[in-house]
Amino acid sequence: MTPDTWREMVDRARELERALGSADKFVTGNEQQTVIVQRRCLRATCDIPAGEILTREMIDVLRPATPGAILPYEIQSVIGTRAAVSLPPGKSCAGQI
């Protein structure tokens, strides 16, 4: 291998690394306005009266995730707690538990 062909190989390897991108996950600037529609949150599946102990059957994971909504990975911390207010079906559980 000559120095020129070695340089070409290294340049192509660096180009490939840039093309593969980063493993870091984040919301980019062009996704800011659609992130609410893309993400899911916890929502009531039925009428839940205030003070009712929440079970998994009462909660669904649906889109959109409104600002301040409880995200799906937090579901285990919600099950077994009491609803602070009444929730109609489909209502986001944001700040209601």
PDB file of N, CA and C in Angstrom:
ATOM      1  N   MET A   1       0.851  -1.167   0.000  1.00  0.00           N
ATOM      2  CA  MET A   1       0.000   0.000   0.000  1.00  0.00           C
ATOM      3  C   MET A   1       0.903   1.238   0.000  1.00  0.00           C
ATOM      4  N   THR A   2       0.564   2.178  -0.835  1.00  0.00           N
ATOM      5  CA  THR A   2       1.350   3.411  -0.927  1.00  0.00           C
ATOM      6  C   THR A   2       0.779   4.450   0.031  1.00  0.00           C
ATOM      7  N   PRO A   3       1.553   5.487   0.335  1.00  0.00           N
ATOM      8  CA  PRO A   3       1.009   6.544   1.194  1.00  0.00           C
ATOM      9  C   PRO A   3      -0.277   7.165   0.632  1.00  0.00           C
ATOM     10  N   ASP A   4      -0.360   7.303  -0.681  1.00  0.00           N
ATOM     11  CA  ASP A   4      -1.572   7.888  -1.284  1.00  0.00           C
ATOM     12  C   ASP A   4      -2.793   6.979  -1.108  1.00  0.00           C
ATOM     13  N   THR A   5      -2.629   5.694  -1.339  1.00  0.00           N
ATOM     14  CA  THR A   5      -3.763   4.775  -1.168  1.00  0.00           C
ATOM     15  C   THR A   5      -4.128   4.637   0.304  1.00  0.00           C
ATOM     16  N   TRP A   6      -3.139   4.694   1.177  1.00  0.00           N
ATOM     17  CA  TRP A   6      -3.412   4.658   2.620  1.00  0.00           C
ATOM     18  C   TRP A   6      -4.244   5.879   3.019  1.00  0.00           C
ATOM     19  N   ARG A   7      -3.857   7.061   2.537  1.00  0.00           N
ATOM     20  CA  ARG A   7      -4.589   8.296   2.828  1.00  0.00           C
ATOM     21  C   ARG A   7      -6.025   8.186   2.329  1.00  0.00           C
ATOM     22  N   GLU A   8      -6.193   7.648   1.124  1.00  0.00           N
ATOM     23  CA  GLU A   8      -7.532   7.479   0.555  1.00  0.00           C
ATOM     24  C   GLU A   8      -8.383   6.551   1.430  1.00  0.00           C
ATOM     25  N   MET A   9      -7.802   5.449   1.916  1.00  0.00           N
ATOM     26  CA  MET A   9      -8.522   4.518   2.771  1.00  0.00           C
ATOM     27  C   MET A   9      -8.938   5.189   4.091  1.00  0.00           C
ATOM     28  N   VAL A  10      -8.034   5.941   4.678  1.00  0.00           N
ATOM     29  CA  VAL A  10      -8.346   6.632   5.938  1.00  0.00           C
ATOM     30  C   VAL A  10      -9.432   7.680   5.714  1.00  0.00           C
ATOM     31  N   ASP A  11      -9.329   8.417   4.628  1.00  0.00           N
ATOM     32  CA  ASP A  11     -10.352   9.430   4.324  1.00  0.00           C
ATOM     33  C   ASP A  11     -11.729   8.791   4.151  1.00  0.00           C
ATOM     34  N   ARG A  12     -11.804   7.657   3.449  1.00  0.00           N
ATOM     35  CA  ARG A  12     -13.090   6.983   3.251  1.00  0.00           C
ATOM     36  C   ARG A  12     -13.621   6.420   4.576  1.00  0.00           C
ATOM     37  N   ALA A  13     -12.734   5.935   5.446  1.00  0.00           N
ATOM     38  CA  ALA A  13     -13.160   5.429   6.755  1.00  0.00           C
ATOM     39  C   ALA A  13     -13.747   6.565   7.592  1.00  0.00           C
ATOM     40  N   ARG A  14     -13.124   7.730   7.571  1.00  0.00           N
ATOM     41  CA  ARG A  14     -13.640   8.889   8.322  1.00  0.00           C
ATOM     42  C   ARG A  14     -14.979   9.356   7.754  1.00  0.00           C
ATOM     43  N   GLU A  15     -15.100   9.297   6.430  1.00  0.00           N
ATOM     44  CA  GLU A  15     -16.357   9.670   5.783  1.00  0.00           C
ATOM     45  C   GLU A  15     -17.482   8.722   6.211  1.00  0.00           C
ATOM     46  N   LEU A  16     -17.181   7.445   6.282  1.00  0.00           N
ATOM     47  CA  LEU A  16     -18.155   6.455   6.730  1.00  0.00           C
ATOM     48  C   LEU A  16     -18.563   6.701   8.182  1.00  0.00           C
ATOM     49  N   GLU A  17     -17.610   7.014   9.037  1.00  0.00           N
ATOM     50  CA  GLU A  17     -17.921   7.308  10.448  1.00  0.00           C
ATOM     51  C   GLU A  17     -18.874   8.490  10.558  1.00  0.00           C
ATOM     52  N   ARG A  18     -18.647   9.535   9.774  1.00  0.00           N
ATOM     53  CA  ARG A  18     -19.546  10.702   9.803  1.00  0.00           C
ATOM     54  C   ARG A  18     -20.939  10.337   9.277  1.00  0.00           C
ATOM     55  N   ALA A  19     -20.986   9.482   8.266  1.00  0.00           N
ATOM     56  CA  ALA A  19     -22.269   9.083   7.685  1.00  0.00           C
ATOM     57  C   ALA A  19     -23.096   8.251   8.663  1.00  0.00           C
ATOM     58  N   LEU A  20     -22.433   7.455   9.492  1.00  0.00           N
ATOM     59  CA  LEU A  20     -23.149   6.624  10.468  1.00  0.00           C
ATOM     60  C   LEU A  20     -23.743   7.460  11.589  1.00  0.00           C
ATOM     61  N   GLY A  21     -23.193   8.614  11.854  1.00  0.00           N
ATOM     62  CA  GLY A  21     -23.744   9.508  12.860  1.00  0.00           C
ATOM     63  C   GLY A  21     -23.413   9.089  14.278  1.00  0.00           C
ATOM     64  N   SER A  22     -24.176   9.636  15.207  1.00  0.00           N
ATOM     65  CA  SER A  22     -23.942   9.434  16.634  1.00  0.00           C
ATOM     66  C   SER A  22     -25.008   8.519  17.227  1.00  0.00           C
ATOM     67  N   ALA A  23     -24.663   7.841  18.297  1.00  0.00           N
ATOM     68  CA  ALA A  23     -25.628   7.003  19.009  1.00  0.00           C
ATOM     69  C   ALA A  23     -26.463   7.832  19.990  1.00  0.00           C
ATOM     70  N   ASP A  24     -26.107   9.089  20.188  1.00  0.00           N
ATOM     71  CA  ASP A  24     -26.848   9.968  21.097  1.00  0.00           C
ATOM     72  C   ASP A  24     -28.229  10.273  20.522  1.00  0.00           C
ATOM     73  N   LYS A  25     -29.272  10.169  21.366  1.00  0.00           N
ATOM     74  CA  LYS A  25     -30.645  10.445  20.948  1.00  0.00           C
ATOM     75  C   LYS A  25     -31.069  11.796  21.506  1.00  0.00           C
ATOM     76  N   PHE A  26     -31.595  12.653  20.654  1.00  0.00           N
ATOM     77  CA  PHE A  26     -32.071  13.959  21.084  1.00  0.00           C
ATOM     78  C   PHE A  26     -33.059  14.480  20.043  1.00  0.00           C
ATOM     79  N   VAL A  27     -33.858  15.463  20.448  1.00  0.00           N
ATOM     80  CA  VAL A  27     -34.828  16.084  19.551  1.00  0.00           C
ATOM     81  C   VAL A  27     -34.106  17.193  18.799  1.00  0.00           C
ATOM     82  N   THR A  28     -34.106  17.104  17.489  1.00  0.00           N
ATOM     83  CA  THR A  28     -33.437  18.116  16.676  1.00  0.00           C
ATOM     84  C   THR A  28     -34.351  19.317  16.469  1.00  0.00           C
ATOM     85  N   GLY A  29     -33.799  20.384  15.969  1.00  0.00           N
ATOM     86  CA  GLY A  29     -34.553  21.618  15.769  1.00  0.00           C
ATOM     87  C   GLY A  29     -35.774  21.450  14.888  1.00  0.00           C
ATOM     88  N   ASN A  30     -35.651  20.664  13.814  1.00  0.00           N
ATOM     89  CA  ASN A  30     -36.787  20.494  12.915  1.00  0.00           C
ATOM     90  C   ASN A  30     -37.853  19.548  13.472  1.00  0.00           C
ATOM     91  N   GLU A  31     -37.596  18.914  14.615  1.00  0.00           N
ATOM     92  CA  GLU A  31     -38.576  18.023  15.242  1.00  0.00           C
ATOM     93  C   GLU A  31     -39.309  18.676  16.416  1.00  0.00           C
ATOM     94  N   GLN A  32     -38.903  19.867  16.804  1.00  0.00           N
ATOM     95  CA  GLN A  32     -39.454  20.523  17.992  1.00  0.00           C
ATOM     96  C   GLN A  32     -40.970  20.670  17.940  1.00  0.00           C
ATOM     97  N   GLN A  33     -41.519  21.048  16.799  1.00  0.00           N
ATOM     98  CA  GLN A  33     -42.958  21.283  16.713  1.00  0.00           C
ATOM     99  C   GLN A  33     -43.765  19.998  16.594  1.00  0.00           C
ATOM    100  N   THR A  34     -43.159  18.902  16.173  1.00  0.00           N
ATOM    101  CA  THR A  34     -43.903  17.656  16.003  1.00  0.00           C
ATOM    102  C   THR A  34     -43.665  16.664  17.137  1.00  0.00           C
ATOM    103  N   VAL A  35     -42.816  17.003  18.084  1.00  0.00           N
ATOM    104  CA  VAL A  35     -42.480  16.058  19.155  1.00  0.00           C
ATOM    105  C   VAL A  35     -43.718  15.702  19.983  1.00  0.00           C
ATOM    106  N   ILE A  36     -44.652  16.614  20.138  1.00  0.00           N
ATOM    107  CA  ILE A  36     -45.871  16.340  20.907  1.00  0.00           C
ATOM    108  C   ILE A  36     -46.689  15.245  20.220  1.00  0.00           C
ATOM    109  N   VAL A  37     -46.795  15.291  18.920  1.00  0.00           N
ATOM    110  CA  VAL A  37     -47.578  14.307  18.172  1.00  0.00           C
ATOM    111  C   VAL A  37     -46.863  12.954  18.134  1.00  0.00           C
ATOM    112  N   GLN A  38     -45.551  12.954  18.124  1.00  0.00           N
ATOM    113  CA  GLN A  38     -44.780  11.719  17.987  1.00  0.00           C
ATOM    114  C   GLN A  38     -44.714  10.908  19.269  1.00  0.00           C
ATOM    115  N   ARG A  39     -44.731  11.567  20.411  1.00  0.00           N
ATOM    116  CA  ARG A  39     -44.555  10.856  21.683  1.00  0.00           C
ATOM    117  C   ARG A  39     -45.885  10.422  22.269  1.00  0.00           C
ATOM    118  N   ARG A  40     -45.794   9.439  23.153  1.00  0.00           N
ATOM    119  CA  ARG A  40     -46.978   8.896  23.821  1.00  0.00           C
ATOM    120  C   ARG A  40     -46.984   9.300  25.291  1.00  0.00           C
ATOM    121  N   CYS A  41     -48.162   9.244  25.901  1.00  0.00           N
ATOM    122  CA  CYS A  41     -48.291   9.517  27.328  1.00  0.00           C
ATOM    123  C   CYS A  41     -49.375   8.614  27.911  1.00  0.00           C
ATOM    124  N   LEU A  42     -49.511   8.658  29.222  1.00  0.00           N
ATOM    125  CA  LEU A  42     -50.540   7.863  29.905  1.00  0.00           C
ATOM    126  C   LEU A  42     -51.875   8.590  29.817  1.00  0.00           C
ATOM    127  N   ARG A  43     -52.917   7.835  29.464  1.00  0.00           N
ATOM    128  CA  ARG A  43     -54.275   8.387  29.361  1.00  0.00           C
ATOM    129  C   ARG A  43     -55.260   7.421  30.003  1.00  0.00           C
ATOM    130  N   ALA A  44     -56.357   7.966  30.494  1.00  0.00           N
ATOM    131  CA  ALA A  44     -57.403   7.161  31.123  1.00  0.00           C
ATOM    132  C   ALA A  44     -58.139   6.345  30.066  1.00  0.00           C
ATOM    133  N   THR A  45     -58.422   5.070  30.367  1.00  0.00           N
ATOM    134  CA  THR A  45     -59.184   4.225  29.448  1.00  0.00           C
ATOM    135  C   THR A  45     -60.679   4.253  29.761  1.00  0.00           C
ATOM    136  N   CYS A  46     -61.022   4.731  30.957  1.00  0.00           N
ATOM    137  CA  CYS A  46     -62.414   4.767  31.404  1.00  0.00           C
ATOM    138  C   CYS A  46     -62.581   5.957  32.337  1.00  0.00           C
ATOM    139  N   ASP A  47     -63.833   6.197  32.764  1.00  0.00           N
ATOM    140  CA  ASP A  47     -64.048   7.245  33.762  1.00  0.00           C
ATOM    141  C   ASP A  47     -63.343   6.844  35.054  1.00  0.00           C
ATOM    142  N   ILE A  48     -62.511   7.729  35.552  1.00  0.00           N
ATOM    143  CA  ILE A  48     -61.801   7.467  36.807  1.00  0.00           C
ATOM    144  C   ILE A  48     -62.210   8.560  37.788  1.00  0.00           C
ATOM    145  N   PRO A  49     -62.961   8.211  38.822  1.00  0.00           N
ATOM    146  CA  PRO A  49     -63.356   9.224  39.800  1.00  0.00           C
ATOM    147  C   PRO A  49     -62.164   9.634  40.675  1.00  0.00           C
ATOM    148  N   ALA A  50     -62.226  10.852  41.184  1.00  0.00           N
ATOM    149  CA  ALA A  50     -61.178  11.328  42.085  1.00  0.00           C
ATOM    150  C   ALA A  50     -61.077  10.393  43.282  1.00  0.00           C
ATOM    151  N   GLY A  51     -59.855  10.066  43.678  1.00  0.00           N
ATOM    152  CA  GLY A  51     -59.629   9.194  44.823  1.00  0.00           C
ATOM    153  C   GLY A  51     -59.554   7.722  44.486  1.00  0.00           C
ATOM    154  N   GLU A  52     -59.880   7.357  43.255  1.00  0.00           N
ATOM    155  CA  GLU A  52     -59.835   5.958  42.822  1.00  0.00           C
ATOM    156  C   GLU A  52     -58.384   5.477  42.738  1.00  0.00           C
ATOM    157  N   ILE A  53     -58.151   4.261  43.193  1.00  0.00           N
ATOM    158  CA  ILE A  53     -56.811   3.671  43.077  1.00  0.00           C
ATOM    159  C   ILE A  53     -56.640   3.190  41.641  1.00  0.00           C
ATOM    160  N   LEU A  54     -55.565   3.627  41.002  1.00  0.00           N
ATOM    161  CA  LEU A  54     -55.339   3.326  39.593  1.00  0.00           C
ATOM    162  C   LEU A  54     -54.768   1.926  39.388  1.00  0.00           C
ATOM    163  N   THR A  55     -55.338   1.235  38.403  1.00  0.00           N
ATOM    164  CA  THR A  55     -54.840  -0.082  38.006  1.00  0.00           C
ATOM    165  C   THR A  55     -54.357   0.011  36.561  1.00  0.00           C
ATOM    166  N   ARG A  56     -53.654  -0.993  36.116  1.00  0.00           N
ATOM    167  CA  ARG A  56     -53.125  -0.994  34.741  1.00  0.00           C
ATOM    168  C   ARG A  56     -54.261  -0.957  33.727  1.00  0.00           C
ATOM    169  N   GLU A  57     -55.380  -1.571  34.033  1.00  0.00           N
ATOM    170  CA  GLU A  57     -56.514  -1.606  33.116  1.00  0.00           C
ATOM    171  C   GLU A  57     -57.137  -0.227  32.910  1.00  0.00           C
ATOM    172  N   MET A  58     -56.918   0.684  33.837  1.00  0.00           N
ATOM    173  CA  MET A  58     -57.473   2.031  33.738  1.00  0.00           C
ATOM    174  C   MET A  58     -56.606   2.980  32.930  1.00  0.00           C
ATOM    175  N   ILE A  59     -55.417   2.543  32.552  1.00  0.00           N
ATOM    176  CA  ILE A  59     -54.449   3.424  31.905  1.00  0.00           C
ATOM    177  C   ILE A  59     -54.039   2.852  30.555  1.00  0.00           C
ATOM    178  N   ASP A  60     -54.001   3.737  29.564  1.00  0.00           N
ATOM    179  CA  ASP A  60     -53.530   3.337  28.238  1.00  0.00           C
ATOM    180  C   ASP A  60     -52.377   4.256  27.848  1.00  0.00           C
ATOM    181  N   VAL A  61     -51.574   3.825  26.912  1.00  0.00           N
ATOM    182  CA  VAL A  61     -50.446   4.613  26.418  1.00  0.00           C
ATOM    183  C   VAL A  61     -50.793   5.043  24.999  1.00  0.00           C
ATOM    184  N   LEU A  62     -51.067   6.344  24.829  1.00  0.00           N
ATOM    185  CA  LEU A  62     -51.550   6.865  23.548  1.00  0.00           C
ATOM    186  C   LEU A  62     -50.845   8.161  23.170  1.00  0.00           C
ATOM    187  N   ARG A  63     -50.969   8.526  21.905  1.00  0.00           N
ATOM    188  CA  ARG A  63     -50.492   9.807  21.404  1.00  0.00           C
ATOM    189  C   ARG A  63     -51.646  10.792  21.430  1.00  0.00           C
ATOM    190  N   PRO A  64     -51.408  12.066  21.494  1.00  0.00           N
ATOM    191  CA  PRO A  64     -50.144  12.761  21.651  1.00  0.00           C
ATOM    192  C   PRO A  64     -49.783  12.940  23.114  1.00  0.00           C
ATOM    193  N   ALA A  65     -48.520  13.227  23.358  1.00  0.00           N
ATOM    194  CA  ALA A  65     -48.044  13.505  24.714  1.00  0.00           C
ATOM    195  C   ALA A  65     -48.037  15.012  24.914  1.00  0.00           C
ATOM    196  N   THR A  66     -49.027  15.503  25.606  1.00  0.00           N
ATOM    197  CA  THR A  66     -49.112  16.931  25.862  1.00  0.00           C
ATOM    198  C   THR A  66     -48.003  17.358  26.827  1.00  0.00           C
ATOM    199  N   PRO A  67     -47.616  18.629  26.820  1.00  0.00           N
ATOM    200  CA  PRO A  67     -46.565  19.082  27.740  1.00  0.00           C
ATOM    201  C   PRO A  67     -46.939  18.767  29.189  1.00  0.00           C
ATOM    202  N   GLY A  68     -45.985  18.223  29.934  1.00  0.00           N
ATOM    203  CA  GLY A  68     -46.207  17.873  31.329  1.00  0.00           C
ATOM    204  C   GLY A  68     -46.856  16.519  31.534  1.00  0.00           C
ATOM    205  N   ALA A  69     -47.137  15.803  30.451  1.00  0.00           N
ATOM    206  CA  ALA A  69     -47.796  14.500  30.546  1.00  0.00           C
ATOM    207  C   ALA A  69     -46.880  13.469  31.202  1.00  0.00           C
ATOM    208  N   ILE A  70     -47.496  12.434  31.765  1.00  0.00           N
ATOM    209  CA  ILE A  70     -46.741  11.335  32.361  1.00  0.00           C
ATOM    210  C   ILE A  70     -46.364  10.378  31.238  1.00  0.00           C
ATOM    211  N   LEU A  71     -45.078  10.099  31.112  1.00  0.00           N
ATOM    212  CA  LEU A  71     -44.570   9.297  30.007  1.00  0.00           C
ATOM    213  C   LEU A  71     -44.677   7.803  30.304  1.00  0.00           C
ATOM    214  N   PRO A  72     -44.720   6.971  29.261  1.00  0.00           N
ATOM    215  CA  PRO A  72     -44.936   5.531  29.433  1.00  0.00           C
ATOM    216  C   PRO A  72     -43.963   4.844  30.386  1.00  0.00           C
ATOM    217  N   TYR A  73     -42.714   5.256  30.411  1.00  0.00           N
ATOM    218  CA  TYR A  73     -41.753   4.581  31.289  1.00  0.00           C
ATOM    219  C   TYR A  73     -42.042   4.834  32.769  1.00  0.00           C
ATOM    220  N   GLU A  74     -42.947   5.754  33.077  1.00  0.00           N
ATOM    221  CA  GLU A  74     -43.311   6.047  34.459  1.00  0.00           C
ATOM    222  C   GLU A  74     -44.562   5.301  34.929  1.00  0.00           C
ATOM    223  N   ILE A  75     -45.085   4.404  34.122  1.00  0.00           N
ATOM    224  CA  ILE A  75     -46.360   3.748  34.422  1.00  0.00           C
ATOM    225  C   ILE A  75     -46.332   2.995  35.753  1.00  0.00           C
ATOM    226  N   GLN A  76     -45.235   2.339  36.070  1.00  0.00           N
ATOM    227  CA  GLN A  76     -45.169   1.571  37.324  1.00  0.00           C
ATOM    228  C   GLN A  76     -45.268   2.473  38.552  1.00  0.00           C
ATOM    229  N   SER A  77     -44.835   3.716  38.444  1.00  0.00           N
ATOM    230  CA  SER A  77     -44.949   4.625  39.588  1.00  0.00           C
ATOM    231  C   SER A  77     -46.366   5.191  39.727  1.00  0.00           C
ATOM    232  N   VAL A  78     -47.196   5.028  38.702  1.00  0.00           N
ATOM    233  CA  VAL A  78     -48.570   5.535  38.723  1.00  0.00           C
ATOM    234  C   VAL A  78     -49.543   4.476  39.238  1.00  0.00           C
ATOM    235  N   ILE A  79     -49.321   3.227  38.856  1.00  0.00           N
ATOM    236  CA  ILE A  79     -50.216   2.141  39.270  1.00  0.00           C
ATOM    237  C   ILE A  79     -50.197   2.022  40.795  1.00  0.00           C
ATOM    238  N   GLY A  80     -51.381   1.963  41.373  1.00  0.00           N
ATOM    239  CA  GLY A  80     -51.504   1.848  42.826  1.00  0.00           C
ATOM    240  C   GLY A  80     -51.665   3.180  43.533  1.00  0.00           C
ATOM    241  N   THR A  81     -51.517   4.301  42.805  1.00  0.00           N
ATOM    242  CA  THR A  81     -51.731   5.612  43.421  1.00  0.00           C
ATOM    243  C   THR A  81     -53.185   6.026  43.224  1.00  0.00           C
ATOM    244  N   ARG A  82     -53.600   7.094  43.884  1.00  0.00           N
ATOM    245  CA  ARG A  82     -54.978   7.587  43.779  1.00  0.00           C
ATOM    246  C   ARG A  82     -55.040   8.766  42.821  1.00  0.00           C
ATOM    247  N   ALA A  83     -56.111   8.815  42.050  1.00  0.00           N
ATOM    248  CA  ALA A  83     -56.336   9.944  41.139  1.00  0.00           C
ATOM    249  C   ALA A  83     -56.668  11.176  41.964  1.00  0.00           C
ATOM    250  N   ALA A  84     -55.997  12.270  41.706  1.00  0.00           N
ATOM    251  CA  ALA A  84     -56.232  13.516  42.439  1.00  0.00           C
ATOM    252  C   ALA A  84     -57.538  14.173  42.007  1.00  0.00           C
ATOM    253  N   VAL A  85     -57.910  14.000  40.738  1.00  0.00           N
ATOM    254  CA  VAL A  85     -59.159  14.563  40.200  1.00  0.00           C
ATOM    255  C   VAL A  85     -59.822  13.501  39.336  1.00  0.00           C
ATOM    256  N   SER A  86     -61.063  13.733  38.967  1.00  0.00           N
ATOM    257  CA  SER A  86     -61.759  12.815  38.065  1.00  0.00           C
ATOM    258  C   SER A  86     -61.172  12.939  36.662  1.00  0.00           C
ATOM    259  N   LEU A  87     -61.041  11.794  35.998  1.00  0.00           N
ATOM    260  CA  LEU A  87     -60.496  11.774  34.642  1.00  0.00           C
ATOM    261  C   LEU A  87     -61.488  11.091  33.710  1.00  0.00           C
ATOM    262  N   PRO A  88     -61.904  11.772  32.631  1.00  0.00           N
ATOM    263  CA  PRO A  88     -62.755  11.118  31.646  1.00  0.00           C
ATOM    264  C   PRO A  88     -61.894  10.236  30.736  1.00  0.00           C
ATOM    265  N   PRO A  89     -62.519   9.307  30.003  1.00  0.00           N
ATOM    266  CA  PRO A  89     -61.747   8.462  29.094  1.00  0.00           C
ATOM    267  C   PRO A  89     -60.965   9.295  28.072  1.00  0.00           C
ATOM    268  N   GLY A  90     -59.715   8.922  27.840  1.00  0.00           N
ATOM    269  CA  GLY A  90     -58.862   9.618  26.871  1.00  0.00           C
ATOM    270  C   GLY A  90     -58.127  10.792  27.423  1.00  0.00           C
ATOM    271  N   LYS A  91     -58.460  11.219  28.637  1.00  0.00           N
ATOM    272  CA  LYS A  91     -57.806  12.379  29.233  1.00  0.00           C
ATOM    273  C   LYS A  91     -56.380  12.009  29.633  1.00  0.00           C
ATOM    274  N   SER A  92     -55.447  12.910  29.343  1.00  0.00           N
ATOM    275  CA  SER A  92     -54.063  12.726  29.744  1.00  0.00           C
ATOM    276  C   SER A  92     -53.976  12.785  31.263  1.00  0.00           C
ATOM    277  N   CYS A  93     -53.129  11.957  31.820  1.00  0.00           N
ATOM    278  CA  CYS A  93     -52.965  11.908  33.272  1.00  0.00           C
ATOM    279  C   CYS A  93     -52.002  12.975  33.779  1.00  0.00           C
ATOM    280  N   ALA A  94     -51.665  13.953  32.962  1.00  0.00           N
ATOM    281  CA  ALA A  94     -50.690  14.980  33.334  1.00  0.00           C
ATOM    282  C   ALA A  94     -51.123  15.734  34.575  1.00  0.00           C
ATOM    283  N   GLY A  95     -50.335  15.664  35.609  1.00  0.00           N
ATOM    284  CA  GLY A  95     -50.584  16.403  36.840  1.00  0.00           C
ATOM    285  C   GLY A  95     -51.847  16.024  37.561  1.00  0.00           C
ATOM    286  N   GLN A  96     -52.470  14.923  37.210  1.00  0.00           N
ATOM    287  CA  GLN A  96     -53.757  14.546  37.795  1.00  0.00           C
ATOM    288  C   GLN A  96     -53.627  13.457  38.842  1.00  0.00           C
ATOM    289  N   ILE A  97     -52.425  12.985  39.069  1.00  0.00           N
ATOM    290  CA  ILE A  97     -52.231  11.854  39.967  1.00  0.00           C
ATOM    291  C   ILE A  97     -51.419  12.281  41.170  1.00  0.00           C
TER     292      ILE A  97
END
